[in-house]
């Protein structure tokens, strides 16, 4: 099996910010467009590889939030960091909350 190069570790800091210049995307869209389509995987394929039920993967791709367990399982199956999925979700949730505040 080929060795996977890992990016450098980033220390957590209370004032940590995410790059706001990166396009904001729902984690389900990222999952579908950046991983399943290029790999030619179905939700069933990913479910078998990750242990996340196919029905839950379909819900996530339709906008339901993903949580720590799904992030961990996706990270293992797709060779990504679980933190990547959680950061995508957190950034998306914060944006939605800011939109709701702006409407009030």
PDB file of N, CA and C in Angstrom:
ATOM      1  N   UNK A   1       0.842  -1.178   0.000  1.00  0.00           N
ATOM      2  CA  UNK A   1       0.000   0.000   0.000  1.00  0.00           C
ATOM      3  C   UNK A   1       0.888   1.242   0.000  1.00  0.00           C
ATOM      4  N   UNK A   2       0.592   2.244  -0.876  1.00  0.00           N
ATOM      5  CA  UNK A   2       1.431   3.438  -0.931  1.00  0.00           C
ATOM      6  C   UNK A   2       1.301   4.259   0.344  1.00  0.00           C
ATOM      7  N   UNK A   3       2.399   4.896   0.702  1.00  0.00           N
ATOM      8  CA  UNK A   3       2.408   5.737   1.896  1.00  0.00           C
ATOM      9  C   UNK A   3       1.655   7.032   1.599  1.00  0.00           C
ATOM     10  N   UNK A   4       0.797   7.442   2.532  1.00  0.00           N
ATOM     11  CA  UNK A   4       0.031   8.671   2.372  1.00  0.00           C
ATOM     12  C   UNK A   4       0.757   9.786   3.109  1.00  0.00           C
ATOM     13  N   UNK A   5       1.064  10.855   2.387  1.00  0.00           N
ATOM     14  CA  UNK A   5       1.723  11.988   3.016  1.00  0.00           C
ATOM     15  C   UNK A   5       0.697  12.806   3.787  1.00  0.00           C
ATOM     16  N   UNK A   6       1.024  13.122   5.020  1.00  0.00           N
ATOM     17  CA  UNK A   6       0.116  13.880   5.868  1.00  0.00           C
ATOM     18  C   UNK A   6       0.527  15.341   5.894  1.00  0.00           C
ATOM     19  N   UNK A   7      -0.453  16.265   5.862  1.00  0.00           N
ATOM     20  CA  UNK A   7      -0.105  17.682   5.981  1.00  0.00           C
ATOM     21  C   UNK A   7       0.375  17.969   7.398  1.00  0.00           C
ATOM     22  N   UNK A   8       1.028  19.101   7.581  1.00  0.00           N
ATOM     23  CA  UNK A   8       1.517  19.427   8.928  1.00  0.00           C
ATOM     24  C   UNK A   8       0.345  19.615   9.892  1.00  0.00           C
ATOM     25  N   UNK A   9       0.578  19.316  11.146  1.00  0.00           N
ATOM     26  CA  UNK A   9      -0.446  19.505  12.165  1.00  0.00           C
ATOM     27  C   UNK A   9      -0.621  20.995  12.434  1.00  0.00           C
ATOM     28  N   UNK A  10      -1.853  21.384  12.655  1.00  0.00           N
ATOM     29  CA  UNK A  10      -2.170  22.776  12.949  1.00  0.00           C
ATOM     30  C   UNK A  10      -2.640  22.838  14.396  1.00  0.00           C
ATOM     31  N   UNK A  11      -1.928  23.587  15.232  1.00  0.00           N
ATOM     32  CA  UNK A  11      -2.357  23.664  16.629  1.00  0.00           C
ATOM     33  C   UNK A  11      -3.671  24.430  16.749  1.00  0.00           C
ATOM     34  N   UNK A  12      -4.541  23.981  17.636  1.00  0.00           N
ATOM     35  CA  UNK A  12      -5.789  24.694  17.878  1.00  0.00           C
ATOM     36  C   UNK A  12      -5.501  25.904  18.752  1.00  0.00           C
ATOM     37  N   UNK A  13      -6.137  26.976  18.422  1.00  0.00           N
ATOM     38  CA  UNK A  13      -5.966  28.224  19.163  1.00  0.00           C
ATOM     39  C   UNK A  13      -7.350  28.841  19.354  1.00  0.00           C
ATOM     40  N   UNK A  14      -7.611  29.474  20.511  1.00  0.00           N
ATOM     41  CA  UNK A  14      -8.941  30.045  20.754  1.00  0.00           C
ATOM     42  C   UNK A  14      -9.380  31.066  19.708  1.00  0.00           C
ATOM     43  N   UNK A  15      -8.453  31.692  19.016  1.00  0.00           N
ATOM     44  CA  UNK A  15      -8.810  32.680  17.996  1.00  0.00           C
ATOM     45  C   UNK A  15      -8.685  32.127  16.577  1.00  0.00           C
ATOM     46  N   UNK A  16      -8.660  30.809  16.469  1.00  0.00           N
ATOM     47  CA  UNK A  16      -8.492  30.162  15.166  1.00  0.00           C
ATOM     48  C   UNK A  16      -9.617  30.583  14.221  1.00  0.00           C
ATOM     49  N   UNK A  17      -9.237  30.893  12.985  1.00  0.00           N
ATOM     50  CA  UNK A  17     -10.196  31.279  11.955  1.00  0.00           C
ATOM     51  C   UNK A  17     -10.015  30.388  10.732  1.00  0.00           C
ATOM     52  N   UNK A  18     -11.099  30.190  10.016  1.00  0.00           N
ATOM     53  CA  UNK A  18     -11.030  29.468   8.756  1.00  0.00           C
ATOM     54  C   UNK A  18     -10.898  30.482   7.621  1.00  0.00           C
ATOM     55  N   UNK A  19     -10.366  30.063   6.513  1.00  0.00           N
ATOM     56  CA  UNK A  19     -10.166  30.935   5.362  1.00  0.00           C
ATOM     57  C   UNK A  19     -11.524  31.305   4.763  1.00  0.00           C
ATOM     58  N   UNK A  20     -11.923  32.548   4.959  1.00  0.00           N
ATOM     59  CA  UNK A  20     -13.216  32.997   4.447  1.00  0.00           C
ATOM     60  C   UNK A  20     -13.207  33.282   2.952  1.00  0.00           C
ATOM     61  N   UNK A  21     -12.035  33.225   2.326  1.00  0.00           N
ATOM     62  CA  UNK A  21     -11.983  33.435   0.885  1.00  0.00           C
ATOM     63  C   UNK A  21     -12.313  32.150   0.120  1.00  0.00           C
ATOM     64  N   UNK A  22     -12.238  31.023   0.814  1.00  0.00           N
ATOM     65  CA  UNK A  22     -12.594  29.754   0.171  1.00  0.00           C
ATOM     66  C   UNK A  22     -14.108  29.716  -0.039  1.00  0.00           C
ATOM     67  N   UNK A  23     -14.555  29.163  -1.146  1.00  0.00           N
ATOM     68  CA  UNK A  23     -16.001  29.105  -1.379  1.00  0.00           C
ATOM     69  C   UNK A  23     -16.695  28.323  -0.266  1.00  0.00           C
ATOM     70  N   UNK A  24     -17.824  28.853   0.185  1.00  0.00           N
ATOM     71  CA  UNK A  24     -18.617  28.184   1.209  1.00  0.00           C
ATOM     72  C   UNK A  24     -19.451  27.096   0.542  1.00  0.00           C
ATOM     73  N   UNK A  25     -19.299  25.865   1.026  1.00  0.00           N
ATOM     74  CA  UNK A  25     -20.049  24.747   0.445  1.00  0.00           C
ATOM     75  C   UNK A  25     -20.561  23.858   1.554  1.00  0.00           C
ATOM     76  N   UNK A  26     -21.737  23.366   1.366  1.00  0.00           N
ATOM     77  CA  UNK A  26     -22.336  22.406   2.277  1.00  0.00           C
ATOM     78  C   UNK A  26     -21.480  21.138   2.262  1.00  0.00           C
ATOM     79  N   UNK A  27     -21.209  20.536   3.432  1.00  0.00           N
ATOM     80  CA  UNK A  27     -20.395  19.313   3.459  1.00  0.00           C
ATOM     81  C   UNK A  27     -20.975  18.185   2.600  1.00  0.00           C
ATOM     82  N   UNK A  28     -22.285  18.123   2.493  1.00  0.00           N
ATOM     83  CA  UNK A  28     -22.900  17.094   1.649  1.00  0.00           C
ATOM     84  C   UNK A  28     -22.590  17.290   0.178  1.00  0.00           C
ATOM     85  N   UNK A  29     -22.518  18.551  -0.246  1.00  0.00           N
ATOM     86  CA  UNK A  29     -22.159  18.865  -1.635  1.00  0.00           C
ATOM     87  C   UNK A  29     -20.696  18.498  -1.885  1.00  0.00           C
ATOM     88  N   UNK A  30     -19.829  18.820  -0.918  1.00  0.00           N
ATOM     89  CA  UNK A  30     -18.419  18.454  -1.028  1.00  0.00           C
ATOM     90  C   UNK A  30     -18.283  16.933  -1.135  1.00  0.00           C
ATOM     91  N   UNK A  31     -18.997  16.229  -0.288  1.00  0.00           N
ATOM     92  CA  UNK A  31     -18.959  14.760  -0.295  1.00  0.00           C
ATOM     93  C   UNK A  31     -19.362  14.220  -1.662  1.00  0.00           C
ATOM     94  N   UNK A  32     -20.466  14.718  -2.178  1.00  0.00           N
ATOM     95  CA  UNK A  32     -20.976  14.229  -3.461  1.00  0.00           C
ATOM     96  C   UNK A  32     -20.077  14.623  -4.632  1.00  0.00           C
ATOM     97  N   UNK A  33     -19.761  15.941  -4.717  1.00  0.00           N
ATOM     98  CA  UNK A  33     -19.077  16.450  -5.903  1.00  0.00           C
ATOM     99  C   UNK A  33     -17.565  16.217  -5.910  1.00  0.00           C
ATOM    100  N   UNK A  34     -16.943  16.229  -4.734  1.00  0.00           N
ATOM    101  CA  UNK A  34     -15.488  16.119  -4.675  1.00  0.00           C
ATOM    102  C   UNK A  34     -14.995  14.702  -4.386  1.00  0.00           C
ATOM    103  N   UNK A  35     -15.876  13.839  -3.913  1.00  0.00           N
ATOM    104  CA  UNK A  35     -15.451  12.489  -3.538  1.00  0.00           C
ATOM    105  C   UNK A  35     -16.241  11.410  -4.267  1.00  0.00           C
ATOM    106  N   UNK A  36     -17.552  11.372  -4.104  1.00  0.00           N
ATOM    107  CA  UNK A  36     -18.305  10.264  -4.719  1.00  0.00           C
ATOM    108  C   UNK A  36     -18.246  10.293  -6.243  1.00  0.00           C
ATOM    109  N   UNK A  37     -18.491  11.427  -6.838  1.00  0.00           N
ATOM    110  CA  UNK A  37     -18.487  11.491  -8.315  1.00  0.00           C
ATOM    111  C   UNK A  37     -17.116  11.166  -8.903  1.00  0.00           C
ATOM    112  N   UNK A  38     -16.027  11.794  -8.420  1.00  0.00           N
ATOM    113  CA  UNK A  38     -14.718  11.446  -9.000  1.00  0.00           C
ATOM    114  C   UNK A  38     -14.327   9.984  -8.794  1.00  0.00           C
ATOM    115  N   UNK A  39     -14.758   9.402  -7.669  1.00  0.00           N
ATOM    116  CA  UNK A  39     -14.433   8.000  -7.414  1.00  0.00           C
ATOM    117  C   UNK A  39     -15.403   7.039  -8.095  1.00  0.00           C
ATOM    118  N   UNK A  40     -16.459   7.598  -8.687  1.00  0.00           N
ATOM    119  CA  UNK A  40     -17.536   6.801  -9.290  1.00  0.00           C
ATOM    120  C   UNK A  40     -18.145   5.854  -8.258  1.00  0.00           C
ATOM    121  N   UNK A  41     -18.318   6.358  -7.044  1.00  0.00           N
ATOM    122  CA  UNK A  41     -18.924   5.580  -5.952  1.00  0.00           C
ATOM    123  C   UNK A  41     -20.376   5.970  -5.779  1.00  0.00           C
ATOM    124  N   UNK A  42     -21.181   5.010  -5.428  1.00  0.00           N
ATOM    125  CA  UNK A  42     -22.567   5.270  -5.046  1.00  0.00           C
ATOM    126  C   UNK A  42     -22.610   5.478  -3.529  1.00  0.00           C
ATOM    127  N   UNK A  43     -23.752   5.914  -3.047  1.00  0.00           N
ATOM    128  CA  UNK A  43     -23.895   6.022  -1.595  1.00  0.00           C
ATOM    129  C   UNK A  43     -23.767   4.646  -0.952  1.00  0.00           C
ATOM    130  N   UNK A  44     -24.207   3.631  -1.653  1.00  0.00           N
ATOM    131  CA  UNK A  44     -24.082   2.265  -1.131  1.00  0.00           C
ATOM    132  C   UNK A  44     -22.609   1.856  -1.004  1.00  0.00           C
ATOM    133  N   UNK A  45     -21.799   2.220  -2.005  1.00  0.00           N
ATOM    134  CA  UNK A  45     -20.358   1.928  -1.936  1.00  0.00           C
ATOM    135  C   UNK A  45     -19.722   2.606  -0.730  1.00  0.00           C
ATOM    136  N   UNK A  46     -20.041   3.892  -0.547  1.00  0.00           N
ATOM    137  CA  UNK A  46     -19.472   4.618   0.585  1.00  0.00           C
ATOM    138  C   UNK A  46     -19.998   4.078   1.908  1.00  0.00           C
ATOM    139  N   UNK A  47     -21.247   3.694   1.944  1.00  0.00           N
ATOM    140  CA  UNK A  47     -21.816   3.111   3.165  1.00  0.00           C
ATOM    141  C   UNK A  47     -21.067   1.840   3.553  1.00  0.00           C
ATOM    142  N   UNK A  48     -20.785   1.009   2.579  1.00  0.00           N
ATOM    143  CA  UNK A  48     -20.061  -0.228   2.869  1.00  0.00           C
ATOM    144  C   UNK A  48     -18.637   0.055   3.324  1.00  0.00           C
ATOM    145  N   UNK A  49     -18.024   1.067   2.738  1.00  0.00           N
ATOM    146  CA  UNK A  49     -16.646   1.388   3.085  1.00  0.00           C
ATOM    147  C   UNK A  49     -16.517   2.115   4.419  1.00  0.00           C
ATOM    148  N   UNK A  50     -17.516   2.927   4.752  1.00  0.00           N
ATOM    149  CA  UNK A  50     -17.428   3.784   5.932  1.00  0.00           C
ATOM    150  C   UNK A  50     -18.185   3.274   7.148  1.00  0.00           C
ATOM    151  N   UNK A  51     -19.222   2.493   6.907  1.00  0.00           N
ATOM    152  CA  UNK A  51     -20.077   2.080   8.016  1.00  0.00           C
ATOM    153  C   UNK A  51     -21.177   3.083   8.325  1.00  0.00           C
ATOM    154  N   UNK A  52     -21.246   4.181   7.567  1.00  0.00           N
ATOM    155  CA  UNK A  52     -22.340   5.142   7.714  1.00  0.00           C
ATOM    156  C   UNK A  52     -23.482   4.632   6.841  1.00  0.00           C
ATOM    157  N   UNK A  53     -24.682   4.472   7.398  1.00  0.00           N
ATOM    158  CA  UNK A  53     -25.795   3.947   6.600  1.00  0.00           C
ATOM    159  C   UNK A  53     -26.064   4.796   5.350  1.00  0.00           C
ATOM    160  N   UNK A  54     -26.423   4.132   4.269  1.00  0.00           N
ATOM    161  CA  UNK A  54     -26.678   4.833   3.007  1.00  0.00           C
ATOM    162  C   UNK A  54     -27.781   5.871   3.170  1.00  0.00           C
ATOM    163  N   UNK A  55     -28.810   5.581   3.953  1.00  0.00           N
ATOM    164  CA  UNK A  55     -29.894   6.549   4.141  1.00  0.00           C
ATOM    165  C   UNK A  55     -29.368   7.827   4.807  1.00  0.00           C
ATOM    166  N   UNK A  56     -28.425   7.688   5.722  1.00  0.00           N
ATOM    167  CA  UNK A  56     -27.864   8.849   6.392  1.00  0.00           C
ATOM    168  C   UNK A  56     -26.952   9.634   5.449  1.00  0.00           C
ATOM    169  N   UNK A  57     -26.188   8.943   4.626  1.00  0.00           N
ATOM    170  CA  UNK A  57     -25.361   9.623   3.626  1.00  0.00           C
ATOM    171  C   UNK A  57     -26.231  10.426   2.666  1.00  0.00           C
ATOM    172  N   UNK A  58     -27.358   9.852   2.242  1.00  0.00           N
ATOM    173  CA  UNK A  58     -28.267  10.582   1.346  1.00  0.00           C
ATOM    174  C   UNK A  58     -28.822  11.821   2.034  1.00  0.00           C
ATOM    175  N   UNK A  59     -29.151  11.710   3.326  1.00  0.00           N
ATOM    176  CA  UNK A  59     -29.652  12.872   4.080  1.00  0.00           C
ATOM    177  C   UNK A  59     -28.585  13.949   4.180  1.00  0.00           C
ATOM    178  N   UNK A  60     -27.345  13.559   4.447  1.00  0.00           N
ATOM    179  CA  UNK A  60     -26.246  14.523   4.539  1.00  0.00           C
ATOM    180  C   UNK A  60     -26.071  15.234   3.199  1.00  0.00           C
ATOM    181  N   UNK A  61     -26.160  14.490   2.108  1.00  0.00           N
ATOM    182  CA  UNK A  61     -26.005  15.105   0.792  1.00  0.00           C
ATOM    183  C   UNK A  61     -27.177  16.007   0.431  1.00  0.00           C
ATOM    184  N   UNK A  62     -28.292  15.877   1.151  1.00  0.00           N
ATOM    185  CA  UNK A  62     -29.444  16.765   0.950  1.00  0.00           C
ATOM    186  C   UNK A  62     -29.457  17.910   1.958  1.00  0.00           C
ATOM    187  N   UNK A  63     -28.400  18.022   2.787  1.00  0.00           N
ATOM    188  CA  UNK A  63     -28.308  19.168   3.675  1.00  0.00           C
ATOM    189  C   UNK A  63     -28.371  18.891   5.159  1.00  0.00           C
ATOM    190  N   UNK A  64     -28.623  17.644   5.559  1.00  0.00           N
ATOM    191  CA  UNK A  64     -28.621  17.331   6.991  1.00  0.00           C
ATOM    192  C   UNK A  64     -27.200  17.464   7.523  1.00  0.00           C
ATOM    193  N   UNK A  65     -27.039  17.930   8.752  1.00  0.00           N
ATOM    194  CA  UNK A  65     -25.682  18.087   9.286  1.00  0.00           C
ATOM    195  C   UNK A  65     -25.020  16.748   9.545  1.00  0.00           C
ATOM    196  N   UNK A  66     -23.709  16.738   9.451  1.00  0.00           N
ATOM    197  CA  UNK A  66     -22.976  15.538   9.837  1.00  0.00           C
ATOM    198  C   UNK A  66     -22.341  15.792  11.202  1.00  0.00           C
ATOM    199  N   UNK A  67     -22.126  14.739  11.919  1.00  0.00           N
ATOM    200  CA  UNK A  67     -21.631  14.819  13.293  1.00  0.00           C
ATOM    201  C   UNK A  67     -20.283  14.098  13.398  1.00  0.00           C
ATOM    202  N   UNK A  68     -19.743  14.083  14.609  1.00  0.00           N
ATOM    203  CA  UNK A  68     -18.396  13.551  14.833  1.00  0.00           C
ATOM    204  C   UNK A  68     -18.241  12.115  14.338  1.00  0.00           C
ATOM    205  N   UNK A  69     -19.215  11.261  14.613  1.00  0.00           N
ATOM    206  CA  UNK A  69     -19.074   9.864  14.196  1.00  0.00           C
ATOM    207  C   UNK A  69     -19.002   9.744  12.681  1.00  0.00           C
ATOM    208  N   UNK A  70     -19.892  10.466  11.984  1.00  0.00           N
ATOM    209  CA  UNK A  70     -19.854  10.417  10.518  1.00  0.00           C
ATOM    210  C   UNK A  70     -18.544  11.012  10.005  1.00  0.00           C
ATOM    211  N   UNK A  71     -18.088  12.106  10.617  1.00  0.00           N
ATOM    212  CA  UNK A  71     -16.819  12.722  10.208  1.00  0.00           C
ATOM    213  C   UNK A  71     -15.672  11.731  10.363  1.00  0.00           C
ATOM    214  N   UNK A  72     -15.653  11.023  11.473  1.00  0.00           N
ATOM    215  CA  UNK A  72     -14.597  10.040  11.699  1.00  0.00           C
ATOM    216  C   UNK A  72     -14.658   8.938  10.646  1.00  0.00           C
ATOM    217  N   UNK A  73     -15.840   8.400  10.421  1.00  0.00           N
ATOM    218  CA  UNK A  73     -15.995   7.294   9.461  1.00  0.00           C
ATOM    219  C   UNK A  73     -15.689   7.733   8.025  1.00  0.00           C
ATOM    220  N   UNK A  74     -16.115   8.948   7.662  1.00  0.00           N
ATOM    221  CA  UNK A  74     -15.787   9.456   6.327  1.00  0.00           C
ATOM    222  C   UNK A  74     -14.289   9.662   6.191  1.00  0.00           C
ATOM    223  N   UNK A  75     -13.664  10.161   7.244  1.00  0.00           N
ATOM    224  CA  UNK A  75     -12.219  10.362   7.218  1.00  0.00           C
ATOM    225  C   UNK A  75     -11.466   9.077   6.957  1.00  0.00           C
ATOM    226  N   UNK A  76     -11.873   8.012   7.611  1.00  0.00           N
ATOM    227  CA  UNK A  76     -11.215   6.717   7.418  1.00  0.00           C
ATOM    228  C   UNK A  76     -11.463   6.213   5.997  1.00  0.00           C
ATOM    229  N   UNK A  77     -12.715   6.246   5.557  1.00  0.00           N
ATOM    230  CA  UNK A  77     -13.064   5.692   4.247  1.00  0.00           C
ATOM    231  C   UNK A  77     -12.467   6.491   3.093  1.00  0.00           C
ATOM    232  N   UNK A  78     -12.391   7.811   3.255  1.00  0.00           N
ATOM    233  CA  UNK A  78     -11.944   8.665   2.153  1.00  0.00           C
ATOM    234  C   UNK A  78     -10.517   9.172   2.331  1.00  0.00           C
ATOM    235  N   UNK A  79      -9.854   8.702   3.394  1.00  0.00           N
ATOM    236  CA  UNK A  79      -8.466   9.093   3.699  1.00  0.00           C
ATOM    237  C   UNK A  79      -8.328  10.610   3.849  1.00  0.00           C
ATOM    238  N   UNK A  80      -9.261  11.174   4.583  1.00  0.00           N
ATOM    239  CA  UNK A  80      -9.221  12.590   4.921  1.00  0.00           C
ATOM    240  C   UNK A  80      -9.180  12.692   6.436  1.00  0.00           C
ATOM    241  N   UNK A  81      -9.053  13.904   6.910  1.00  0.00           N
ATOM    242  CA  UNK A  81      -9.103  14.135   8.344  1.00  0.00           C
ATOM    243  C   UNK A  81     -10.561  14.254   8.781  1.00  0.00           C
ATOM    244  N   UNK A  82     -10.939  13.638   9.895  1.00  0.00           N
ATOM    245  CA  UNK A  82     -12.294  13.874  10.406  1.00  0.00           C
ATOM    246  C   UNK A  82     -12.528  15.365  10.688  1.00  0.00           C
ATOM    247  N   UNK A  83     -11.469  16.066  11.103  1.00  0.00           N
ATOM    248  CA  UNK A  83     -11.581  17.486  11.382  1.00  0.00           C
ATOM    249  C   UNK A  83     -11.980  18.266  10.133  1.00  0.00           C
ATOM    250  N   UNK A  84     -11.555  17.814   8.977  1.00  0.00           N
ATOM    251  CA  UNK A  84     -11.928  18.457   7.710  1.00  0.00           C
ATOM    252  C   UNK A  84     -13.442  18.518   7.573  1.00  0.00           C
ATOM    253  N   UNK A  85     -14.102  17.382   7.822  1.00  0.00           N
ATOM    254  CA  UNK A  85     -15.559  17.320   7.695  1.00  0.00           C
ATOM    255  C   UNK A  85     -16.249  18.164   8.759  1.00  0.00           C
ATOM    256  N   UNK A  86     -15.713  18.128   9.972  1.00  0.00           N
ATOM    257  CA  UNK A  86     -16.295  18.932  11.040  1.00  0.00           C
ATOM    258  C   UNK A  86     -16.097  20.420  10.780  1.00  0.00           C
ATOM    259  N   UNK A  87     -14.943  20.797  10.231  1.00  0.00           N
ATOM    260  CA  UNK A  87     -14.698  22.203   9.917  1.00  0.00           C
ATOM    261  C   UNK A  87     -15.625  22.680   8.796  1.00  0.00           C
ATOM    262  N   UNK A  88     -15.830  21.851   7.781  1.00  0.00           N
ATOM    263  CA  UNK A  88     -16.785  22.199   6.729  1.00  0.00           C
ATOM    264  C   UNK A  88     -18.171  22.424   7.323  1.00  0.00           C
ATOM    265  N   UNK A  89     -18.588  21.513   8.210  1.00  0.00           N
ATOM    266  CA  UNK A  89     -19.908  21.615   8.820  1.00  0.00           C
ATOM    267  C   UNK A  89     -20.005  22.849   9.712  1.00  0.00           C
ATOM    268  N   UNK A  90     -18.971  23.096  10.518  1.00  0.00           N
ATOM    269  CA  UNK A  90     -18.990  24.247  11.419  1.00  0.00           C
ATOM    270  C   UNK A  90     -19.051  25.551  10.634  1.00  0.00           C
ATOM    271  N   UNK A  91     -18.259  25.650   9.592  1.00  0.00           N
ATOM    272  CA  UNK A  91     -18.253  26.878   8.786  1.00  0.00           C
ATOM    273  C   UNK A  91     -19.614  27.107   8.144  1.00  0.00           C
ATOM    274  N   UNK A  92     -20.222  26.042   7.644  1.00  0.00           N
ATOM    275  CA  UNK A  92     -21.537  26.146   7.022  1.00  0.00           C
ATOM    276  C   UNK A  92     -22.590  26.528   8.058  1.00  0.00           C
ATOM    277  N   UNK A  93     -22.546  25.913   9.241  1.00  0.00           N
ATOM    278  CA  UNK A  93     -23.501  26.224  10.309  1.00  0.00           C
ATOM    279  C   UNK A  93     -23.364  27.664  10.778  1.00  0.00           C
ATOM    280  N   UNK A  94     -22.124  28.142  10.936  1.00  0.00           N
ATOM    281  CA  UNK A  94     -21.902  29.523  11.356  1.00  0.00           C
ATOM    282  C   UNK A  94     -22.445  30.508  10.325  1.00  0.00           C
ATOM    283  N   UNK A  95     -22.239  30.214   9.067  1.00  0.00           N
ATOM    284  CA  UNK A  95     -22.757  31.071   8.002  1.00  0.00           C
ATOM    285  C   UNK A  95     -24.276  31.124   8.049  1.00  0.00           C
ATOM    286  N   UNK A  96     -24.920  29.975   8.201  1.00  0.00           N
ATOM    287  CA  UNK A  96     -26.384  29.945   8.287  1.00  0.00           C
ATOM    288  C   UNK A  96     -26.888  30.746   9.479  1.00  0.00           C
ATOM    289  N   UNK A  97     -26.208  30.611  10.616  1.00  0.00           N
ATOM    290  CA  UNK A  97     -26.594  31.353  11.815  1.00  0.00           C
ATOM    291  C   UNK A  97     -26.447  32.848  11.589  1.00  0.00           C
ATOM    292  N   UNK A  98     -25.355  33.276  10.952  1.00  0.00           N
ATOM    293  CA  UNK A  98     -25.161  34.689  10.664  1.00  0.00           C
ATOM    294  C   UNK A  98     -26.246  35.213   9.739  1.00  0.00           C
ATOM    295  N   UNK A  99     -26.666  34.406   8.787  1.00  0.00           N
ATOM    296  CA  UNK A  99     -27.764  34.816   7.889  1.00  0.00           C
ATOM    297  C   UNK A  99     -29.059  34.991   8.676  1.00  0.00           C
ATOM    298  N   UNK A 100     -29.319  34.080   9.608  1.00  0.00           N
ATOM    299  CA  UNK A 100     -30.532  34.203  10.427  1.00  0.00           C
ATOM    300  C   UNK A 100     -30.484  35.458  11.282  1.00  0.00           C
ATOM    301  N   UNK A 101     -29.322  35.783  11.847  1.00  0.00           N
ATOM    302  CA  UNK A 101     -29.174  37.002  12.657  1.00  0.00           C
ATOM    303  C   UNK A 101     -29.422  38.239  11.800  1.00  0.00           C
ATOM    304  N   UNK A 102     -28.916  38.225  10.590  1.00  0.00           N
ATOM    305  CA  UNK A 102     -29.067  39.376   9.693  1.00  0.00           C
ATOM    306  C   UNK A 102     -30.534  39.598   9.325  1.00  0.00           C
ATOM    307  N   UNK A 103     -31.326  38.537   9.297  1.00  0.00           N
ATOM    308  CA  UNK A 103     -32.738  38.660   8.945  1.00  0.00           C
ATOM    309  C   UNK A 103     -33.573  39.222  10.087  1.00  0.00           C
ATOM    310  N   UNK A 104     -33.086  39.070  11.315  1.00  0.00           N
ATOM    311  CA  UNK A 104     -33.842  39.556  12.486  1.00  0.00           C
ATOM    312  C   UNK A 104     -33.741  41.037  12.679  1.00  0.00           C
TER     313      UNK A 104
END
